[in-house]
Amino acid sequence: MSKMLDLFEQRKVLKSHIATLKKDIDRIDTELEEAYLTKAKDILATTGKDFGTVYIPEGNQEIKAVVTKKVEWDQGILMKALNEMSEEDAQHYAKMTLAVDERKYTMAPPHIRRVLEPARTTRIGSFSVDLKEE
């Protein structure tokens, strides 16, 4: 029985180490984001983009920065917009969760996009940095 108690104790110690390491990783990720997110967004802006992958020179290395897009839809505004469309169009563009597939929104004709636009918000979905692999 003491062998099992030892395993539980080892697991407890390891979980504590993991929690500490996760905190350390979060702290490092926060510092990297503070160092590179603005630079990445500035580089993207020069190409007319808000999201994507860029490479930032850092000494004799390049930092790969990825800014992803996360789209959110205002449910009330979207419901109103979809109710103003034909049922067929509304069923084509919207999911039951009252979200519009981003690919369909991007490919939609201007009159559809104009109606949907007030319900759509974009923000950064995630950000990551790493050394560029050779």
Foldseek 3Di string as FASTA:
>chain_A
DVVVVVVVVVVVVVVVVVVVVVVVVVVVFVVVCVVPVVVVCVVQVVVVHRFAWDWPDDPPWIKIKGWAKDKFFQQVLLVVLLVVDDVVVSVVQADPVSDGDPVCLVVPPPVSVVSRVVGMDMDTPDMDIDIDDD
